[in-house]
Amino acid sequence: MGDSQLVKLNLEPNESGGFVDIIETYTNLGPIVDMIVVDLDRQGQGQLITCSGAFKEGSLRIIRNGIGIQEQATIDLPGIKGVWQLRVNSAYDNILVLSFVGQTKVLMLTGEEVE
């Protein structure tokens, strides 16, 4: 679950005595356990901070380039454990199911309103 590497296997040992040369390393973000969008500079250039990987390869990763994030709504709900989106009679997901330790809430998005 760590990063991936492109390696070259040599017939003869290299200068460190090994038979493997690392050609390139590719960052692996998965699995993403949690994430948050932040705009530290308040310039509209959001960054995604992820809790990525697992076990000894776990890390915090910051994704800056190549993402266009527009926050559509914000709801402050302390203690939330899970969120799932559903689509009912709509072209887009319009229902959020929110899971807490002792209860489940269902929110329906209708235009600009949350019911």
Foldseek 3Di string as FASTA:
>chain_A
DFKDFDWDAAPAADPVRDRIDTPDIGGDFPPFPDWDWDDVVPPQQIKIWTQGDDDPRTDIDIHGPDDRDDDPDDDDDPQWDDWDFDDDPDPDTFKIWTDHPVDIDIWGHDPPDID
